[in-house]
N, C-alpha and C. Protein backbone atom coordinates (compact mmCIF):
# COMPACT_ATOMS: atom_id res chain seq x y z
N MET A 1 2.86 29.75 1.18
CA MET A 1 3.43 29.48 -0.13
C MET A 1 4.53 28.44 0.06
N LEU A 2 4.46 27.34 -0.81
CA LEU A 2 5.44 26.38 -0.72
C LEU A 2 6.51 26.66 -1.87
N ALA A 3 7.81 26.30 -1.51
CA ALA A 3 8.90 26.35 -2.47
C ALA A 3 8.60 25.53 -3.68
N ALA A 4 9.18 25.89 -4.81
CA ALA A 4 9.04 24.96 -6.03
C ALA A 4 9.71 23.70 -5.76
N GLY A 5 9.08 22.66 -6.24
CA GLY A 5 9.59 21.33 -6.17
C GLY A 5 9.05 20.60 -4.87
N LYS A 6 8.03 21.13 -4.16
CA LYS A 6 7.41 20.66 -2.99
C LYS A 6 5.92 20.23 -3.19
N LEU A 7 5.59 19.13 -2.55
CA LEU A 7 4.31 18.72 -2.68
C LEU A 7 3.67 18.68 -1.15
N PHE A 8 2.59 19.38 -1.13
CA PHE A 8 1.82 19.41 0.10
C PHE A 8 0.86 18.20 0.36
N VAL A 9 0.97 17.48 1.45
CA VAL A 9 0.04 16.42 1.68
C VAL A 9 -0.71 16.59 2.96
N PRO A 10 -2.11 16.91 2.96
CA PRO A 10 -2.78 17.24 4.17
C PRO A 10 -2.95 16.03 4.93
N THR A 11 -2.24 15.89 6.17
CA THR A 11 -2.44 14.80 7.00
C THR A 11 -2.72 15.34 8.51
N LEU A 12 -2.95 16.62 8.63
CA LEU A 12 -3.27 17.14 9.95
C LEU A 12 -4.58 16.57 10.29
N HIS A 13 -4.88 15.99 11.49
CA HIS A 13 -6.04 15.55 11.72
C HIS A 13 -6.47 15.81 13.36
N ASP A 14 -7.67 15.72 13.65
CA ASP A 14 -8.16 16.01 15.05
C ASP A 14 -8.96 14.74 15.61
N HIS A 15 -8.27 14.24 16.56
CA HIS A 15 -8.83 13.06 17.35
C HIS A 15 -8.67 13.42 18.80
N GLY A 16 -8.82 14.75 19.13
CA GLY A 16 -8.76 15.16 20.41
C GLY A 16 -7.44 15.71 20.98
N HIS A 17 -6.43 15.65 20.02
CA HIS A 17 -5.22 16.29 20.38
C HIS A 17 -5.01 17.51 19.46
N GLY A 18 -4.24 18.44 20.04
CA GLY A 18 -4.16 19.71 19.14
C GLY A 18 -3.05 19.66 18.19
N ILE A 19 -3.06 20.73 17.39
CA ILE A 19 -2.02 20.95 16.26
C ILE A 19 -0.65 20.96 17.06
N GLY A 20 0.41 20.33 16.47
CA GLY A 20 1.71 20.30 17.28
C GLY A 20 1.88 19.35 18.38
N GLN A 21 0.79 18.66 18.87
CA GLN A 21 0.80 17.72 19.73
C GLN A 21 1.19 16.33 19.09
N HIS A 22 1.68 15.33 19.82
CA HIS A 22 1.87 14.02 19.23
C HIS A 22 0.46 13.21 19.13
N ALA A 23 0.37 12.52 18.03
CA ALA A 23 -0.70 11.68 17.82
C ALA A 23 -0.19 10.28 17.83
N ASP A 24 -0.86 9.36 18.47
CA ASP A 24 -0.35 7.98 18.73
C ASP A 24 -1.02 7.01 17.60
N ASP A 25 -1.93 7.65 16.79
CA ASP A 25 -2.78 6.91 15.91
C ASP A 25 -2.35 7.07 14.46
N TRP A 26 -1.25 7.65 14.07
CA TRP A 26 -0.98 7.74 12.50
C TRP A 26 -1.02 6.32 11.97
N ASP A 27 -1.75 6.39 10.80
CA ASP A 27 -1.77 5.13 10.03
C ASP A 27 -2.00 5.44 8.62
N HIS A 28 -1.02 5.96 7.79
CA HIS A 28 -1.07 6.50 6.48
C HIS A 28 -0.26 5.67 5.51
N ALA A 29 -0.76 5.54 4.29
CA ALA A 29 0.00 5.07 3.19
C ALA A 29 0.06 6.22 2.11
N ILE A 30 1.16 6.80 1.84
CA ILE A 30 1.15 7.91 0.90
C ILE A 30 1.85 7.36 -0.38
N TYR A 31 1.14 7.45 -1.54
CA TYR A 31 1.72 7.05 -2.80
C TYR A 31 2.24 8.28 -3.48
N SER A 32 3.40 8.34 -4.15
CA SER A 32 3.78 9.38 -4.83
C SER A 32 4.88 9.06 -5.71
N VAL A 33 5.11 9.86 -6.85
CA VAL A 33 6.33 9.77 -7.84
C VAL A 33 7.09 10.99 -7.33
N ASP A 34 8.25 10.79 -6.79
CA ASP A 34 9.14 11.94 -6.37
C ASP A 34 10.63 11.57 -6.33
N ARG A 35 11.44 12.47 -6.02
CA ARG A 35 12.69 12.22 -6.05
C ARG A 35 13.43 11.45 -4.97
N SER A 36 12.84 11.68 -3.82
CA SER A 36 13.34 10.90 -2.64
C SER A 36 12.35 10.57 -1.73
N PHE A 37 12.65 9.74 -0.59
CA PHE A 37 11.65 9.33 0.19
C PHE A 37 11.78 10.25 1.43
N ARG A 38 12.40 11.34 1.39
CA ARG A 38 12.53 12.15 2.59
C ARG A 38 11.04 12.71 2.90
N THR A 39 10.70 12.48 4.19
CA THR A 39 9.40 12.89 4.59
C THR A 39 9.27 13.62 5.81
N GLU A 40 8.82 14.78 5.59
CA GLU A 40 8.84 15.86 6.86
C GLU A 40 7.49 16.47 7.08
N LEU A 41 7.36 17.06 8.17
CA LEU A 41 6.27 17.92 8.38
C LEU A 41 6.43 19.24 7.78
N ILE A 42 5.36 19.97 7.77
CA ILE A 42 5.56 21.32 7.08
C ILE A 42 6.48 22.28 7.87
N ASP A 43 6.59 21.95 9.23
CA ASP A 43 7.50 22.77 9.98
C ASP A 43 9.03 22.33 10.05
N GLY A 44 9.21 21.23 9.06
CA GLY A 44 10.66 20.82 8.93
C GLY A 44 10.97 19.52 9.87
N GLN A 45 10.01 19.07 10.67
CA GLN A 45 10.39 17.95 11.58
C GLN A 45 10.28 16.78 10.62
N SER A 46 11.31 15.82 10.81
CA SER A 46 11.24 14.62 10.07
C SER A 46 10.32 13.77 10.59
N ILE A 47 9.64 12.83 9.75
CA ILE A 47 8.65 11.86 9.98
C ILE A 47 9.32 10.56 9.66
N LYS A 48 9.28 9.59 10.60
CA LYS A 48 9.82 8.27 10.42
C LYS A 48 8.67 7.53 9.57
N CYS A 49 9.18 6.83 8.54
CA CYS A 49 8.29 6.03 7.81
C CYS A 49 9.07 4.94 7.19
N VAL A 50 8.30 3.86 6.55
CA VAL A 50 8.97 2.80 5.94
C VAL A 50 8.50 2.91 4.50
N PRO A 51 9.60 3.53 3.72
CA PRO A 51 9.47 3.78 2.34
C PRO A 51 9.74 2.62 1.46
N MET A 52 9.09 2.36 0.34
CA MET A 52 9.41 1.35 -0.55
C MET A 52 9.00 1.74 -1.86
N ARG A 53 9.44 0.99 -3.08
CA ARG A 53 8.98 1.33 -4.42
C ARG A 53 7.62 0.45 -4.48
N ALA A 54 6.65 1.03 -4.99
CA ALA A 54 5.46 0.17 -5.19
C ALA A 54 5.69 -0.93 -6.32
N SER A 55 5.18 -1.92 -6.09
CA SER A 55 5.42 -3.12 -6.99
C SER A 55 4.74 -3.19 -8.22
N ALA A 56 3.65 -2.29 -8.23
CA ALA A 56 2.92 -2.14 -9.47
C ALA A 56 2.15 -0.92 -9.49
N ALA A 57 1.76 -0.49 -10.73
CA ALA A 57 0.90 0.77 -10.85
C ALA A 57 -0.33 0.52 -10.06
N PRO A 58 -1.01 1.46 -9.54
CA PRO A 58 -2.39 1.35 -8.97
C PRO A 58 -3.36 0.94 -9.90
N ALA A 59 -4.28 0.24 -9.34
CA ALA A 59 -5.38 -0.23 -10.26
C ALA A 59 -6.57 0.81 -10.17
N PHE A 60 -7.14 1.12 -11.39
CA PHE A 60 -8.06 2.15 -11.50
C PHE A 60 -9.40 1.54 -11.96
N SER A 61 -10.44 1.99 -11.59
CA SER A 61 -11.72 1.48 -11.93
C SER A 61 -12.26 2.51 -12.82
N GLY A 62 -13.05 2.24 -13.69
CA GLY A 62 -13.63 3.22 -14.56
C GLY A 62 -12.69 3.66 -15.60
N ALA A 63 -13.02 4.94 -16.10
CA ALA A 63 -12.23 5.47 -17.15
C ALA A 63 -11.29 6.54 -16.78
N PHE A 64 -10.23 6.13 -15.90
CA PHE A 64 -9.22 6.87 -15.58
C PHE A 64 -8.42 7.29 -16.74
N PRO A 65 -8.25 8.56 -17.29
CA PRO A 65 -7.78 9.00 -18.54
C PRO A 65 -6.16 8.84 -18.61
N TYR A 66 -5.48 8.77 -17.57
CA TYR A 66 -4.03 8.73 -17.48
C TYR A 66 -3.37 7.52 -17.20
N SER A 67 -4.16 6.49 -16.92
CA SER A 67 -3.69 5.16 -16.57
C SER A 67 -2.63 4.55 -17.39
N ARG A 68 -2.82 4.75 -18.68
CA ARG A 68 -1.75 4.05 -19.59
C ARG A 68 -0.69 4.99 -19.99
N VAL A 69 -0.82 6.38 -19.78
CA VAL A 69 0.24 7.31 -20.30
C VAL A 69 1.18 7.88 -19.33
N LEU A 70 0.84 7.63 -18.10
CA LEU A 70 1.73 8.04 -16.97
C LEU A 70 3.03 7.02 -16.82
N ASP A 71 4.02 7.52 -16.40
CA ASP A 71 5.15 6.69 -16.12
C ASP A 71 5.20 6.32 -14.63
N TRP A 72 4.72 5.13 -14.33
CA TRP A 72 4.79 4.51 -12.88
C TRP A 72 6.02 4.08 -12.40
N THR A 73 7.18 4.06 -13.12
CA THR A 73 8.24 3.52 -12.78
C THR A 73 8.86 3.98 -11.37
N GLY A 74 8.57 5.14 -11.10
CA GLY A 74 9.20 5.80 -9.99
C GLY A 74 8.16 5.85 -8.81
N LEU A 75 6.99 5.13 -8.86
CA LEU A 75 5.88 5.17 -7.89
C LEU A 75 6.53 4.56 -6.63
N GLY A 76 6.33 5.33 -5.48
CA GLY A 76 6.61 4.87 -4.25
C GLY A 76 5.67 4.93 -3.18
N VAL A 77 5.73 4.31 -2.13
CA VAL A 77 4.74 4.37 -1.04
C VAL A 77 5.38 4.49 0.31
N ARG A 78 5.00 5.48 1.17
CA ARG A 78 5.39 5.61 2.42
C ARG A 78 4.35 5.04 3.47
N HIS A 79 4.82 4.12 4.38
CA HIS A 79 3.92 3.65 5.33
C HIS A 79 4.33 4.33 6.59
N ILE A 80 3.38 5.19 7.17
CA ILE A 80 3.58 6.01 8.33
C ILE A 80 2.60 5.43 9.40
N LYS A 81 3.11 5.01 10.60
CA LYS A 81 2.37 4.37 11.59
C LYS A 81 2.88 4.74 12.88
N GLY A 82 2.00 4.90 13.91
CA GLY A 82 2.56 5.08 15.34
C GLY A 82 2.57 6.50 15.80
N ARG A 83 3.44 6.89 16.63
CA ARG A 83 3.25 8.17 17.31
C ARG A 83 4.14 9.24 16.49
N HIS A 84 3.64 10.15 16.12
CA HIS A 84 4.20 11.43 15.42
C HIS A 84 3.60 12.63 15.75
N PRO A 85 4.33 13.70 15.55
CA PRO A 85 3.61 15.04 15.70
C PRO A 85 2.45 15.31 14.73
N ASN A 86 1.46 15.69 15.11
CA ASN A 86 0.14 15.96 14.29
C ASN A 86 0.50 17.17 13.54
N GLY A 87 0.44 16.92 12.18
CA GLY A 87 0.65 17.98 11.27
C GLY A 87 0.61 17.56 9.84
N ASP A 88 0.84 18.51 8.83
CA ASP A 88 0.65 18.23 7.50
C ASP A 88 2.23 17.83 6.71
N ILE A 89 2.28 17.14 5.85
CA ILE A 89 3.35 16.47 5.40
C ILE A 89 3.91 17.28 4.00
N ILE A 90 5.18 17.61 3.77
CA ILE A 90 5.77 18.12 2.62
C ILE A 90 6.78 17.12 2.08
N LEU A 91 6.60 16.82 0.71
CA LEU A 91 7.45 16.02 0.03
C LEU A 91 8.26 16.71 -0.99
N ASP A 92 9.56 16.24 -1.35
CA ASP A 92 10.29 16.76 -2.49
C ASP A 92 9.74 16.09 -3.70
N ILE A 93 9.51 16.79 -4.79
CA ILE A 93 8.97 16.28 -6.07
C ILE A 93 10.02 16.59 -7.15
């Protein structure tokens, strides 16, 4: 059970290394609207990333019903690459 104000991002993956082991092949871009760019694994370990505010709202194809009514001003992106412990991520929202 997650605490209030937390967002679970499933990033645990299997490429021949076990849970808790380091993975050399992280390459994720995580988009979110949240309070901070603090990024940590579910066990509390910090993840190094390059956070930035997104320059524009995402482009949606088709009839995405919320594209015009959502406030995208707080949209950020975290670029996570390289060697990190293999696990899921928790964000503050």
